[in-house]
Amino acid sequence: MKKIRLGILLLLVVVFGVYQYTYQDHRDIATEKAAYVLSVKDLHDKFLKDAAQANIEYGDKTIELSGIITAVDTSSNSIVLDQKLFGILLDQTIKVQEGAEVTIKGRFLGYDDLLEELKFDQVTIIK
């Protein structure tokens, strides 16, 4: 009887652990503290120097970047900074203009070798 109780207790603990792992809260990048603060050019240069190492260091991190808006696409709610960073804006109501210097915060998704472009999502404009 003790073994059955212990087995049931162990099973409940495992099921609870799997449930907690599977249904974690989503990250809120807008309120999360940035792991790194740098310019778009600096981050892009790190990928040109050693893309594999930079992917390990910056992958899935919240990063604050500064640069100049070189393109805005309101239909896809995206911006391009310094012709090197493509970001999908979190808030669709933000009005931005090409040529403006901005600081953004977002989640780094990866580096596109073909386009030589940094990819970000959940981008918010800080200033």
Protein backbone atom coordinates (compact mmCIF):
# COMPACT_ATOMS: atom_id res chain seq x y z
CA MET A 1 0.00 0.00 0.00
CA LYS A 2 2.88 2.39 0.79
CA LYS A 3 4.43 1.74 -2.64
CA ILE A 4 1.16 2.61 -4.37
CA ARG A 5 0.84 5.89 -2.47
CA LEU A 6 4.47 6.74 -3.20
CA GLY A 7 3.95 5.91 -6.89
CA ILE A 8 0.84 8.10 -7.11
CA LEU A 9 2.62 10.96 -5.34
CA LEU A 10 5.61 10.65 -7.68
CA LEU A 11 3.30 10.58 -10.71
CA LEU A 12 1.51 13.74 -9.51
CA VAL A 13 4.82 15.55 -9.02
CA VAL A 14 5.96 14.58 -12.53
CA VAL A 15 2.64 15.61 -14.12
CA PHE A 16 2.73 18.95 -12.27
CA GLY A 17 6.32 19.57 -13.40
CA VAL A 18 5.50 18.81 -17.04
CA TYR A 19 2.44 21.07 -16.88
CA GLN A 20 4.46 23.98 -15.42
CA TYR A 21 7.18 23.55 -18.06
CA THR A 22 4.72 23.32 -20.96
CA TYR A 23 2.45 26.19 -19.98
CA GLN A 24 4.99 28.86 -18.97
CA ASP A 25 4.04 32.52 -19.14
CA HIS A 26 5.09 34.23 -22.34
CA ARG A 27 7.96 36.68 -22.12
CA ASP A 28 7.04 40.35 -22.08
CA ILE A 29 9.96 41.87 -23.97
CA ALA A 30 8.58 45.42 -23.53
CA THR A 31 9.01 45.22 -19.74
CA GLU A 32 12.02 42.92 -19.67
CA LYS A 33 15.40 44.49 -18.89
CA ALA A 34 17.73 44.50 -21.89
CA ALA A 35 20.61 42.04 -21.65
CA TYR A 36 22.71 44.18 -24.03
CA VAL A 37 22.70 47.85 -25.06
CA LEU A 38 24.57 48.78 -28.25
CA SER A 39 24.20 50.27 -31.71
CA VAL A 40 22.91 48.41 -34.76
CA LYS A 41 26.32 48.86 -36.40
CA ASP A 42 28.16 47.33 -33.43
CA LEU A 43 25.88 44.29 -33.34
CA HIS A 44 26.09 43.83 -37.11
CA ASP A 45 29.91 44.04 -36.97
CA LYS A 46 29.99 41.27 -34.35
CA PHE A 47 28.10 39.00 -36.76
CA LEU A 48 30.42 39.85 -39.62
CA LYS A 49 33.40 38.97 -37.43
CA ASP A 50 32.08 35.65 -36.01
CA ALA A 51 28.43 34.80 -36.70
CA ALA A 52 28.47 31.48 -34.83
CA GLN A 53 29.79 33.02 -31.62
CA ALA A 54 27.49 36.04 -31.90
CA ASN A 55 24.44 33.77 -32.34
CA ILE A 56 25.36 31.96 -29.14
CA GLU A 57 25.88 35.19 -27.24
CA TYR A 58 22.86 37.17 -28.48
CA GLY A 59 20.34 34.49 -29.51
CA ASP A 60 16.84 34.96 -28.04
CA LYS A 61 18.06 37.82 -25.84
CA THR A 62 16.36 41.14 -25.22
CA ILE A 63 18.58 43.80 -26.76
CA GLU A 64 18.37 47.60 -26.79
CA LEU A 65 19.72 49.14 -29.99
CA SER A 66 20.11 52.60 -31.44
CA GLY A 67 20.10 53.51 -35.10
CA ILE A 68 18.43 55.47 -37.88
CA ILE A 69 15.17 54.32 -39.46
CA THR A 70 15.85 53.58 -43.13
CA ALA A 71 12.48 51.99 -44.02
CA VAL A 72 8.98 51.72 -42.59
CA ASP A 73 6.30 49.28 -43.77
CA THR A 74 2.95 49.99 -42.14
CA SER A 75 1.24 47.02 -43.83
CA SER A 76 3.58 44.52 -42.14
CA ASN A 77 4.14 46.76 -39.10
CA SER A 78 7.90 46.58 -39.54
CA ILE A 79 10.90 48.89 -39.60
CA VAL A 80 14.46 48.71 -40.88
CA LEU A 81 17.31 50.40 -39.01
CA ASP A 82 20.60 51.36 -40.68
CA GLN A 83 19.71 48.99 -43.56
CA LYS A 84 20.98 46.19 -41.31
CA LEU A 85 18.15 45.41 -38.86
CA PHE A 86 14.64 44.24 -39.70
CA GLY A 87 12.19 44.49 -36.80
CA ILE A 88 8.52 43.72 -36.34
CA LEU A 89 6.90 46.31 -34.09
CA LEU A 90 4.88 45.14 -31.10
CA ASP A 91 2.54 48.15 -31.13
CA GLN A 92 0.80 48.88 -34.44
CA THR A 93 -0.20 52.41 -33.44
CA ILE A 94 3.34 53.79 -33.21
CA LYS A 95 4.07 56.37 -35.90
CA VAL A 96 7.68 56.49 -37.03
CA GLN A 97 9.35 58.24 -39.95
CA GLU A 98 12.33 57.38 -42.09
CA GLY A 99 15.46 59.28 -41.15
CA ALA A 100 14.59 59.51 -37.47
CA GLU A 101 17.18 58.38 -34.94
CA VAL A 102 15.60 55.92 -32.51
CA THR A 103 16.39 53.55 -29.70
CA ILE A 104 14.49 50.28 -29.79
CA LYS A 105 14.22 47.19 -27.64
CA GLY A 106 13.33 43.78 -28.99
CA ARG A 107 14.01 40.06 -29.02
CA PHE A 108 16.83 38.95 -31.28
CA LEU A 109 15.70 36.13 -33.58
CA GLY A 110 18.76 35.59 -35.72
CA TYR A 111 21.05 36.78 -38.45
CA ASP A 112 20.21 36.31 -42.13
CA ASP A 113 23.53 35.59 -43.89
CA LEU A 114 22.05 36.04 -47.35
CA LEU A 115 20.64 39.52 -46.71
CA GLU A 116 23.23 40.32 -44.03
CA GLU A 117 20.36 41.46 -41.83
CA LEU A 118 19.60 41.17 -38.12
CA LYS A 119 16.07 39.93 -37.35
CA PHE A 120 14.07 41.15 -34.34
CA ASP A 121 10.49 40.78 -33.16
CA GLN A 122 8.43 42.30 -30.34
CA VAL A 123 10.16 45.61 -31.05
CA THR A 124 9.20 48.64 -29.00
CA ILE A 125 10.48 52.14 -29.61
CA ILE A 126 12.02 53.61 -26.49
CA LYS A 127 12.86 57.06 -27.89
